[in-house]
């Protein structure tokens, strides 16, 4: 009888061991797959504190200068910011013009030139002209190379630019400016 009890105990322990190791839903680990979702949030600019700006369309956007047509000036961007005093009264605006200036001479010829903002003239809608600021400097690209330049012009209150004139080596080329 002791043999039967020990056999029964041994079989019971085996059944318990097998049933505890078997698969059950509550002992199964949770699904660990993580799904990543990207969301783009656009925060609108605070227009109430930002200065008023105007973008300009330049036509044509390129000018070829020089007696030997060695300078290519491309206007890549033109925009202005309205300047105001503490009372909110307009004191004028500042026009920023971004340029790409290319020296078209060959490495053999090596013609060098300088295109300066202070030599350029911005014609306004009231038929006056203003030079570029001297702080904008001048640009001197190497032969067969291009350089970028940023020129700034101070416009009186109530005026808008109409034309930008470039001068180099006795040549003058104009590009038109109009509000977008």
N, C-alpha and C. Protein backbone atom coordinates (compact mmCIF):
# COMPACT_ATOMS: atom_id res chain seq x y z
N UNK A 1 0.81 -1.16 0.00
CA UNK A 1 0.00 0.00 0.00
C UNK A 1 0.88 1.26 0.00
N UNK A 2 1.99 1.21 0.68
CA UNK A 2 2.90 2.34 0.70
C UNK A 2 3.46 2.54 -0.71
N UNK A 3 3.64 1.46 -1.45
CA UNK A 3 4.11 1.59 -2.80
C UNK A 3 3.09 2.32 -3.65
N UNK A 4 1.80 1.99 -3.43
CA UNK A 4 0.73 2.63 -4.20
C UNK A 4 0.64 4.12 -3.87
N UNK A 5 0.79 4.45 -2.62
CA UNK A 5 0.70 5.85 -2.20
C UNK A 5 1.88 6.62 -2.78
N UNK A 6 3.05 6.02 -2.75
CA UNK A 6 4.21 6.72 -3.29
C UNK A 6 4.11 6.86 -4.80
N UNK A 7 3.55 5.81 -5.50
CA UNK A 7 3.33 5.93 -6.94
C UNK A 7 2.32 7.04 -7.22
N UNK A 8 1.25 7.05 -6.40
CA UNK A 8 0.21 8.06 -6.59
C UNK A 8 0.77 9.47 -6.34
N UNK A 9 1.59 9.63 -5.34
CA UNK A 9 2.20 10.92 -5.02
C UNK A 9 3.14 11.35 -6.13
N UNK A 10 3.89 10.40 -6.66
CA UNK A 10 4.82 10.70 -7.73
C UNK A 10 4.08 11.11 -9.00
N UNK A 11 3.00 10.42 -9.34
CA UNK A 11 2.20 10.75 -10.53
C UNK A 11 1.52 12.10 -10.34
N UNK A 12 1.01 12.36 -9.12
CA UNK A 12 0.35 13.64 -8.84
C UNK A 12 1.32 14.81 -8.98
N UNK A 13 2.51 14.61 -8.48
CA UNK A 13 3.51 15.67 -8.60
C UNK A 13 3.88 15.91 -10.06
N UNK A 14 3.95 14.88 -10.86
CA UNK A 14 4.24 15.01 -12.29
C UNK A 14 3.14 15.75 -13.03
N UNK A 15 1.88 15.43 -12.67
CA UNK A 15 0.75 16.11 -13.31
C UNK A 15 0.75 17.58 -12.93
N UNK A 16 1.00 17.88 -11.66
CA UNK A 16 1.06 19.27 -11.22
C UNK A 16 2.19 20.03 -11.92
N UNK A 17 3.33 19.40 -12.08
CA UNK A 17 4.47 20.03 -12.74
C UNK A 17 4.15 20.32 -14.20
N UNK A 18 3.53 19.35 -14.88
CA UNK A 18 3.19 19.55 -16.27
C UNK A 18 2.10 20.62 -16.45
N UNK A 19 1.13 20.64 -15.56
CA UNK A 19 0.05 21.62 -15.70
C UNK A 19 0.53 23.04 -15.38
N UNK A 20 1.50 23.17 -14.49
CA UNK A 20 2.01 24.50 -14.18
C UNK A 20 2.94 25.01 -15.28
N UNK A 21 3.59 24.13 -16.01
CA UNK A 21 4.47 24.55 -17.10
C UNK A 21 3.72 24.71 -18.42
N UNK A 22 2.52 24.26 -18.55
CA UNK A 22 1.74 24.37 -19.78
C UNK A 22 1.38 25.82 -20.08
N UNK A 23 0.94 26.03 -21.31
CA UNK A 23 0.64 27.40 -21.70
C UNK A 23 -0.75 27.79 -21.23
N UNK A 24 -0.83 29.00 -20.73
CA UNK A 24 -2.12 29.56 -20.35
C UNK A 24 -2.10 31.03 -20.73
N UNK A 25 -3.25 31.62 -20.99
CA UNK A 25 -3.34 32.99 -21.46
C UNK A 25 -2.85 33.98 -20.41
N UNK A 26 -3.12 33.73 -19.13
CA UNK A 26 -2.74 34.71 -18.14
C UNK A 26 -1.25 34.71 -17.85
N UNK A 27 -0.54 33.60 -18.14
CA UNK A 27 0.89 33.55 -17.92
C UNK A 27 1.67 34.02 -19.15
N UNK A 28 1.00 34.25 -20.28
CA UNK A 28 1.66 34.65 -21.51
C UNK A 28 2.11 36.10 -21.39
N UNK A 29 3.34 36.44 -21.83
CA UNK A 29 3.80 37.83 -21.75
C UNK A 29 3.00 38.71 -22.73
N UNK A 30 2.85 39.95 -22.36
CA UNK A 30 2.09 40.90 -23.17
C UNK A 30 2.86 41.21 -24.46
N UNK A 31 2.14 41.65 -25.49
CA UNK A 31 2.74 42.02 -26.76
C UNK A 31 3.62 43.25 -26.53
N UNK A 32 4.91 43.13 -26.85
CA UNK A 32 5.85 44.22 -26.57
C UNK A 32 6.19 45.04 -27.82
N UNK A 33 5.41 44.91 -28.89
CA UNK A 33 5.66 45.69 -30.10
C UNK A 33 5.21 47.12 -29.85
N UNK A 34 6.13 48.09 -30.13
CA UNK A 34 5.84 49.51 -29.94
C UNK A 34 5.68 50.14 -31.31
N UNK A 35 4.58 50.81 -31.51
CA UNK A 35 4.32 51.49 -32.77
C UNK A 35 4.63 52.96 -32.58
N UNK A 36 5.51 53.50 -33.46
CA UNK A 36 5.92 54.89 -33.37
C UNK A 36 5.12 55.69 -34.40
N UNK A 37 4.49 56.75 -33.93
CA UNK A 37 3.73 57.61 -34.81
C UNK A 37 4.33 59.00 -34.73
N UNK A 38 4.63 59.59 -35.92
CA UNK A 38 5.20 60.93 -35.95
C UNK A 38 4.12 61.93 -36.32
N UNK A 39 4.10 63.04 -35.60
CA UNK A 39 3.14 64.09 -35.86
C UNK A 39 3.88 65.40 -36.01
N UNK A 40 3.56 66.14 -37.03
CA UNK A 40 4.17 67.44 -37.24
C UNK A 40 3.22 68.50 -36.74
N UNK A 41 3.70 69.33 -35.84
CA UNK A 41 2.89 70.40 -35.28
C UNK A 41 3.45 71.72 -35.79
N UNK A 42 2.61 72.51 -36.41
CA UNK A 42 3.02 73.82 -36.90
C UNK A 42 2.51 74.88 -35.94
N UNK A 43 3.44 75.65 -35.43
CA UNK A 43 3.08 76.71 -34.50
C UNK A 43 3.05 78.01 -35.29
N UNK A 44 1.90 78.65 -35.36
CA UNK A 44 1.84 79.89 -36.14
C UNK A 44 2.67 80.99 -35.48
N UNK A 45 3.30 81.80 -36.33
CA UNK A 45 4.10 82.92 -35.83
C UNK A 45 3.19 83.96 -35.20
N UNK A 46 3.68 84.58 -34.18
CA UNK A 46 2.90 85.62 -33.51
C UNK A 46 2.97 86.88 -34.35
N UNK A 47 1.93 87.13 -35.10
CA UNK A 47 1.91 88.26 -36.01
C UNK A 47 1.79 89.59 -35.28
N UNK A 48 1.25 89.57 -34.07
CA UNK A 48 1.05 90.84 -33.38
C UNK A 48 2.36 91.48 -32.92
N UNK A 49 3.43 90.70 -32.77
CA UNK A 49 4.71 91.25 -32.33
C UNK A 49 5.76 91.27 -33.44
N UNK A 50 5.45 90.68 -34.57
CA UNK A 50 6.42 90.61 -35.65
C UNK A 50 6.32 91.87 -36.52
N UNK A 51 7.45 92.34 -37.03
CA UNK A 51 7.39 93.51 -37.92
C UNK A 51 6.74 93.12 -39.25
N UNK A 52 6.11 94.10 -39.86
CA UNK A 52 5.46 93.86 -41.14
C UNK A 52 6.53 93.72 -42.21
N UNK A 53 6.38 92.73 -43.07
CA UNK A 53 7.35 92.50 -44.12
C UNK A 53 6.67 92.40 -45.47
N UNK A 54 7.43 92.68 -46.52
CA UNK A 54 6.94 92.61 -47.89
C UNK A 54 7.95 91.84 -48.73
N UNK A 55 7.47 90.84 -49.49
CA UNK A 55 8.33 90.12 -50.42
C UNK A 55 8.16 90.73 -51.81
N UNK A 56 9.26 90.74 -52.58
CA UNK A 56 9.25 91.35 -53.90
C UNK A 56 9.57 90.32 -54.97
N UNK A 57 8.94 90.51 -56.11
CA UNK A 57 9.21 89.71 -57.29
C UNK A 57 10.20 90.50 -58.15
N UNK A 58 11.28 89.84 -58.58
CA UNK A 58 12.32 90.50 -59.36
C UNK A 58 12.22 90.01 -60.81
N UNK A 59 12.13 90.97 -61.75
CA UNK A 59 11.98 90.59 -63.14
C UNK A 59 12.79 91.53 -64.03
N UNK A 60 13.71 91.06 -64.81
CA UNK A 60 14.30 89.71 -64.80
C UNK A 60 15.16 89.54 -63.55
N UNK A 61 15.43 88.32 -63.18
CA UNK A 61 16.17 88.09 -61.94
C UNK A 61 17.68 88.06 -62.14
N UNK A 62 18.15 88.18 -63.39
CA UNK A 62 19.59 88.17 -63.66
C UNK A 62 20.00 89.40 -64.47
N UNK A 63 21.26 89.79 -64.30
CA UNK A 63 21.83 90.90 -65.05
C UNK A 63 23.27 90.53 -65.42
N UNK A 64 23.63 90.81 -66.67
CA UNK A 64 25.00 90.57 -67.12
C UNK A 64 25.69 91.91 -67.25
N UNK A 65 26.83 92.07 -66.55
CA UNK A 65 27.53 93.35 -66.47
C UNK A 65 28.94 93.24 -67.05
N UNK A 66 29.52 94.39 -67.33
CA UNK A 66 30.91 94.47 -67.79
C UNK A 66 30.99 94.59 -69.29
N UNK A 67 32.03 95.27 -69.76
CA UNK A 67 32.23 95.44 -71.20
C UNK A 67 32.45 94.11 -71.90
N UNK A 68 33.05 93.17 -71.21
CA UNK A 68 33.28 91.83 -71.77
C UNK A 68 32.27 90.82 -71.24
N UNK A 69 31.20 91.31 -70.64
CA UNK A 69 30.11 90.47 -70.10
C UNK A 69 30.65 89.42 -69.11
N UNK A 70 31.53 89.86 -68.24
CA UNK A 70 32.19 88.93 -67.32
C UNK A 70 31.45 88.73 -66.00
N UNK A 71 30.49 89.59 -65.68
CA UNK A 71 29.80 89.48 -64.39
C UNK A 71 28.34 89.09 -64.59
N UNK A 72 27.92 88.06 -63.90
CA UNK A 72 26.51 87.64 -63.90
C UNK A 72 25.99 87.82 -62.49
N UNK A 73 24.98 88.66 -62.34
CA UNK A 73 24.39 88.93 -61.02
C UNK A 73 22.97 88.37 -61.03
N UNK A 74 22.68 87.48 -60.10
CA UNK A 74 21.34 86.88 -59.98
C UNK A 74 20.75 87.29 -58.64
N UNK A 75 19.57 87.88 -58.67
CA UNK A 75 18.87 88.25 -57.44
C UNK A 75 18.07 87.02 -56.98
N UNK A 76 18.43 86.46 -55.84
CA UNK A 76 17.76 85.25 -55.36
C UNK A 76 16.61 85.56 -54.41
N UNK A 77 16.65 86.74 -53.76
CA UNK A 77 15.57 87.09 -52.83
C UNK A 77 15.59 88.60 -52.59
N UNK A 78 14.39 89.17 -52.47
CA UNK A 78 14.26 90.58 -52.13
C UNK A 78 13.05 90.74 -51.22
N UNK A 79 13.28 91.27 -50.01
CA UNK A 79 12.18 91.50 -49.09
C UNK A 79 12.51 92.68 -48.18
N UNK A 80 11.47 93.33 -47.71
CA UNK A 80 11.67 94.49 -46.85
C UNK A 80 10.94 94.31 -45.54
N UNK A 81 11.41 95.05 -44.55
CA UNK A 81 10.80 95.08 -43.22
C UNK A 81 10.45 96.52 -42.92
N UNK A 82 9.21 96.75 -42.50
CA UNK A 82 8.77 98.11 -42.18
C UNK A 82 9.33 98.48 -40.81
N UNK A 83 9.97 99.64 -40.74
CA UNK A 83 10.54 100.14 -39.49
C UNK A 83 9.56 101.13 -38.86
N UNK A 84 9.42 101.05 -37.53
CA UNK A 84 8.49 101.93 -36.81
C UNK A 84 9.16 102.50 -35.58
N UNK A 85 8.69 103.69 -35.16
CA UNK A 85 9.19 104.26 -33.92
C UNK A 85 8.39 103.69 -32.75
N UNK A 86 8.64 104.17 -31.53
CA UNK A 86 7.99 103.63 -30.33
C UNK A 86 6.48 103.85 -30.33
N UNK A 87 6.01 104.87 -31.06
CA UNK A 87 4.58 105.15 -31.13
C UNK A 87 3.87 104.36 -32.22
N UNK A 88 4.60 103.58 -32.99
CA UNK A 88 4.01 102.79 -34.07
C UNK A 88 3.95 103.51 -35.40
N UNK A 89 4.55 104.68 -35.48
CA UNK A 89 4.56 105.45 -36.72
C UNK A 89 5.69 104.93 -37.61
N UNK A 90 5.41 104.78 -38.91
CA UNK A 90 6.39 104.26 -39.86
C UNK A 90 7.53 105.26 -40.04
N UNK A 91 8.75 104.75 -39.94
CA UNK A 91 9.94 105.58 -40.16
C UNK A 91 10.64 105.19 -41.45
N UNK A 92 10.03 104.33 -42.22
CA UNK A 92 10.62 103.85 -43.46
C UNK A 92 10.68 102.34 -43.46
N UNK A 93 11.52 101.80 -44.30
CA UNK A 93 11.70 100.35 -44.34
C UNK A 93 13.12 100.02 -44.77
N UNK A 94 13.50 98.77 -44.54
CA UNK A 94 14.82 98.30 -44.92
C UNK A 94 14.64 97.15 -45.90
N UNK A 95 15.16 97.33 -47.11
CA UNK A 95 15.09 96.31 -48.15
C UNK A 95 16.36 95.48 -48.10
N UNK A 96 16.21 94.16 -48.05
CA UNK A 96 17.34 93.23 -48.06
C UNK A 96 17.29 92.47 -49.38
N UNK A 97 18.39 92.52 -50.11
CA UNK A 97 18.49 91.84 -51.40
C UNK A 97 19.61 90.81 -51.30
N UNK A 98 19.29 89.55 -51.60
CA UNK A 98 20.29 88.49 -51.62
C UNK A 98 20.69 88.23 -53.06
N UNK A 99 22.00 88.20 -53.30
CA UNK A 99 22.53 88.07 -54.66
C UNK A 99 23.49 86.89 -54.77
N UNK A 100 23.58 86.36 -55.98
CA UNK A 100 24.59 85.37 -56.34
C UNK A 100 25.37 85.99 -57.50
N UNK A 101 26.65 86.31 -57.27
CA UNK A 101 27.46 87.00 -58.26
C UNK A 101 28.50 86.02 -58.80
N UNK A 102 28.51 85.87 -60.13
CA UNK A 102 29.39 84.92 -60.79
C UNK A 102 30.38 85.65 -61.69
N UNK A 103 31.66 85.27 -61.59
CA UNK A 103 32.70 85.79 -62.47
C UNK A 103 32.80 84.82 -63.65
N UNK A 104 32.37 85.27 -64.82
CA UNK A 104 32.31 84.41 -66.00
C UNK A 104 33.63 84.36 -66.77
N UNK A 105 34.66 85.09 -66.34
CA UNK A 105 35.94 85.03 -67.05
C UNK A 105 36.60 83.68 -66.80
N UNK A 106 37.44 83.28 -67.73
CA UNK A 106 38.11 81.98 -67.61
C UNK A 106 39.31 82.06 -66.68
N UNK A 107 39.80 80.92 -66.29
CA UNK A 107 40.98 80.88 -65.44
C UNK A 107 42.20 81.41 -66.18
N UNK A 108 42.23 81.25 -67.51
CA UNK A 108 43.36 81.77 -68.30
C UNK A 108 43.32 83.29 -68.35
N UNK A 109 42.14 83.88 -68.55
CA UNK A 109 42.02 85.33 -68.67
C UNK A 109 42.10 86.02 -67.31
N UNK A 110 41.54 85.41 -66.30
CA UNK A 110 41.55 85.90 -64.91
C UNK A 110 41.23 87.39 -64.79
N UNK A 111 40.02 87.76 -65.17
CA UNK A 111 39.57 89.14 -65.00
C UNK A 111 38.88 89.22 -63.65
N UNK A 112 39.30 90.20 -62.88
CA UNK A 112 38.72 90.40 -61.56
C UNK A 112 37.92 91.69 -61.54
N UNK A 113 36.87 91.71 -60.76
CA UNK A 113 36.04 92.90 -60.63
C UNK A 113 35.43 92.90 -59.24
N UNK A 114 34.87 94.03 -58.88
CA UNK A 114 34.22 94.19 -57.59
C UNK A 114 32.83 94.78 -57.82
N UNK A 115 31.82 94.14 -57.27
CA UNK A 115 30.45 94.64 -57.34
C UNK A 115 30.08 95.09 -55.93
N UNK A 116 29.82 96.38 -55.78
CA UNK A 116 29.60 96.96 -54.46
C UNK A 116 28.16 97.45 -54.30
N UNK A 117 27.63 97.29 -53.11
CA UNK A 117 26.27 97.78 -52.81
C UNK A 117 26.22 99.29 -52.86
N UNK A 118 27.31 99.95 -52.48
CA UNK A 118 27.31 101.42 -52.49
C UNK A 118 27.36 101.97 -53.91
N UNK A 119 27.73 101.15 -54.90
CA UNK A 119 27.72 101.56 -56.30
C UNK A 119 26.35 101.32 -56.95
N UNK A 120 25.54 100.45 -56.38
CA UNK A 120 24.21 100.16 -56.93
C UNK A 120 23.24 101.27 -56.52
N UNK A 121 22.17 101.43 -57.31
CA UNK A 121 21.15 102.43 -57.00
C UNK A 121 19.78 101.79 -57.06
N UNK A 122 19.01 102.03 -56.01
CA UNK A 122 17.65 101.52 -55.93
C UNK A 122 16.70 102.67 -56.27
N UNK A 123 16.00 102.55 -57.39
CA UNK A 123 15.04 103.57 -57.77
C UNK A 123 13.73 103.32 -57.04
N UNK A 124 13.15 104.41 -56.52
CA UNK A 124 11.91 104.32 -55.77
C UNK A 124 10.74 104.79 -56.62
N UNK A 125 9.52 104.52 -56.14
CA UNK A 125 8.33 104.89 -56.91
C UNK A 125 8.12 106.41 -56.98
N UNK A 126 8.82 107.19 -56.15
CA UNK A 126 8.71 108.65 -56.23
C UNK A 126 9.82 109.25 -57.10
N UNK A 127 10.47 108.42 -57.93
CA UNK A 127 11.51 108.82 -58.90
C UNK A 127 12.82 109.28 -58.28
N UNK A 128 13.08 108.92 -57.03
CA UNK A 128 14.37 109.18 -56.41
C UNK A 128 15.17 107.88 -56.38
N UNK A 129 16.46 107.96 -56.10
CA UNK A 129 17.32 106.77 -56.04
C UNK A 129 18.15 106.82 -54.76
N UNK A 130 18.33 105.64 -54.15
CA UNK A 130 19.13 105.54 -52.93
C UNK A 130 20.23 104.50 -53.15
N UNK A 131 21.44 104.74 -52.61
CA UNK A 131 22.51 103.74 -52.73
C UNK A 131 22.35 102.67 -51.65
N UNK A 132 23.04 101.56 -51.84
CA UNK A 132 23.07 100.52 -50.83
C UNK A 132 23.94 100.94 -49.67
N UNK A 133 23.77 100.29 -48.54
CA UNK A 133 24.57 100.66 -47.36
C UNK A 133 26.02 100.24 -47.54
N UNK A 134 26.91 101.04 -47.02
CA UNK A 134 28.34 100.74 -47.13
C UNK A 134 28.71 99.51 -46.31
N UNK A 135 27.90 99.19 -45.29
CA UNK A 135 28.18 98.01 -44.46
C UNK A 135 27.97 96.71 -45.23
N UNK A 136 27.19 96.78 -46.31
CA UNK A 136 26.96 95.57 -47.11
C UNK A 136 28.24 95.12 -47.80
N UNK A 137 29.16 96.06 -48.03
CA UNK A 137 30.46 95.72 -48.58
C UNK A 137 30.42 95.47 -50.07
N UNK A 138 31.52 94.90 -50.56
CA UNK A 138 31.62 94.59 -51.98
C UNK A 138 31.94 93.11 -52.13
N UNK A 139 31.65 92.62 -53.32
CA UNK A 139 31.86 91.21 -53.61
C UNK A 139 32.84 91.09 -54.76
N UNK A 140 33.86 90.25 -54.58
CA UNK A 140 34.90 90.06 -55.59
C UNK A 140 35.07 88.57 -55.87
N UNK A 141 34.25 88.00 -56.75
CA UNK A 141 34.38 86.56 -57.02
C UNK A 141 35.62 86.25 -57.85
N UNK A 142 36.21 85.09 -57.62
CA UNK A 142 37.34 84.61 -58.41
C UNK A 142 36.86 84.20 -59.79
N UNK A 143 37.79 84.02 -60.72
CA UNK A 143 37.45 83.59 -62.07
C UNK A 143 36.75 82.24 -62.03
N UNK A 144 35.69 82.10 -62.83
CA UNK A 144 34.88 80.89 -62.92
C UNK A 144 34.33 80.45 -61.57
N UNK A 145 33.98 81.42 -60.71
CA UNK A 145 33.44 81.11 -59.40
C UNK A 145 32.28 82.06 -59.07
N UNK A 146 31.49 81.68 -58.07
CA UNK A 146 30.36 82.49 -57.63
C UNK A 146 30.48 82.78 -56.13
N UNK A 147 29.97 83.92 -55.73
CA UNK A 147 29.90 84.27 -54.31
C UNK A 147 28.52 84.84 -54.02
N UNK A 148 28.11 84.73 -52.77
CA UNK A 148 26.83 85.28 -52.35
C UNK A 148 27.06 86.62 -51.67
N UNK A 149 26.06 87.49 -51.78
CA UNK A 149 26.14 88.79 -51.14
C UNK A 149 24.76 89.17 -50.62
N UNK A 150 24.74 89.94 -49.55
CA UNK A 150 23.49 90.47 -49.00
C UNK A 150 23.63 91.98 -48.93
N UNK A 151 22.78 92.68 -49.65
CA UNK A 151 22.80 94.13 -49.69
C UNK A 151 21.58 94.66 -48.98
N UNK A 152 21.75 95.78 -48.29
CA UNK A 152 20.64 96.43 -47.58
C UNK A 152 20.48 97.86 -48.07
N UNK A 153 19.22 98.27 -48.23
CA UNK A 153 18.88 99.62 -48.68
C UNK A 153 17.88 100.21 -47.68
N UNK A 154 18.08 101.46 -47.30
CA UNK A 154 17.17 102.17 -46.40
C UNK A 154 16.19 102.98 -47.25
N UNK A 155 14.89 102.71 -47.11
CA UNK A 155 13.87 103.39 -47.88
C UNK A 155 13.14 104.39 -46.99
N UNK A 156 12.88 105.60 -47.48
CA UNK A 156 12.10 106.57 -46.70
C UNK A 156 10.66 106.09 -46.52
N UNK A 157 9.98 106.62 -45.53
CA UNK A 157 8.58 106.24 -45.25
C UNK A 157 7.71 106.58 -46.45
N UNK A 158 6.77 105.69 -46.75
CA UNK A 158 5.82 105.93 -47.83
C UNK A 158 6.35 105.66 -49.22
N UNK A 159 7.51 105.04 -49.36
CA UNK A 159 8.06 104.74 -50.69
C UNK A 159 8.19 103.24 -50.88
N UNK A 160 8.22 102.84 -52.14
CA UNK A 160 8.41 101.44 -52.51
C UNK A 160 9.47 101.37 -53.60
N UNK A 161 10.26 100.30 -53.61
CA UNK A 161 11.26 100.17 -54.67
C UNK A 161 10.59 99.80 -56.00
N UNK A 162 11.16 100.30 -57.09
CA UNK A 162 10.62 99.94 -58.40
C UNK A 162 11.68 99.29 -59.30
N UNK A 163 12.96 99.65 -59.10
CA UNK A 163 14.02 99.15 -59.97
C UNK A 163 15.35 99.17 -59.22
N UNK A 164 16.18 98.16 -59.47
CA UNK A 164 17.52 98.10 -58.90
C UNK A 164 18.52 98.17 -60.05
N UNK A 165 19.41 99.17 -59.99
CA UNK A 165 20.41 99.39 -61.05
C UNK A 165 21.78 98.92 -60.58
N UNK A 166 22.43 98.08 -61.41
CA UNK A 166 23.78 97.61 -61.16
C UNK A 166 24.72 98.32 -62.12
N UNK A 167 25.93 98.67 -61.64
CA UNK A 167 26.94 99.35 -62.45
C UNK A 167 28.24 98.58 -62.36
N UNK A 168 28.93 98.41 -63.51
CA UNK A 168 30.24 97.79 -63.52
C UNK A 168 30.94 98.14 -64.83
N UNK A 169 32.14 98.69 -64.73
CA UNK A 169 33.01 98.91 -65.88
C UNK A 169 32.30 99.67 -67.01
N UNK A 170 31.60 100.72 -66.66
CA UNK A 170 30.93 101.54 -67.65
C UNK A 170 29.61 100.98 -68.16
N UNK A 171 29.15 99.87 -67.59
CA UNK A 171 27.86 99.30 -68.00
C UNK A 171 26.84 99.49 -66.89
N UNK A 172 25.57 99.53 -67.28
CA UNK A 172 24.47 99.69 -66.32
C UNK A 172 23.34 98.75 -66.74
N UNK A 173 22.88 97.94 -65.80
CA UNK A 173 21.78 97.01 -66.06
C UNK A 173 20.78 97.14 -64.92
N UNK A 174 19.49 97.13 -65.28
CA UNK A 174 18.43 97.28 -64.28
C UNK A 174 17.56 96.04 -64.20
N UNK A 175 17.08 95.75 -63.00
CA UNK A 175 16.07 94.71 -62.79
C UNK A 175 14.89 95.36 -62.08
N UNK A 176 13.68 94.96 -62.45
CA UNK A 176 12.48 95.53 -61.87
C UNK A 176 12.09 94.85 -60.58
N UNK A 177 11.48 95.60 -59.67
CA UNK A 177 11.01 95.07 -58.40
C UNK A 177 9.52 95.38 -58.27
N UNK A 178 8.74 94.39 -57.90
CA UNK A 178 7.31 94.59 -57.68
C UNK A 178 6.85 93.72 -56.53
N UNK A 179 5.85 94.18 -55.80
CA UNK A 179 5.33 93.42 -54.67
C UNK A 179 4.72 92.11 -55.14
N UNK A 180 4.94 91.05 -54.37
CA UNK A 180 4.33 89.75 -54.69
C UNK A 180 2.87 89.77 -54.33
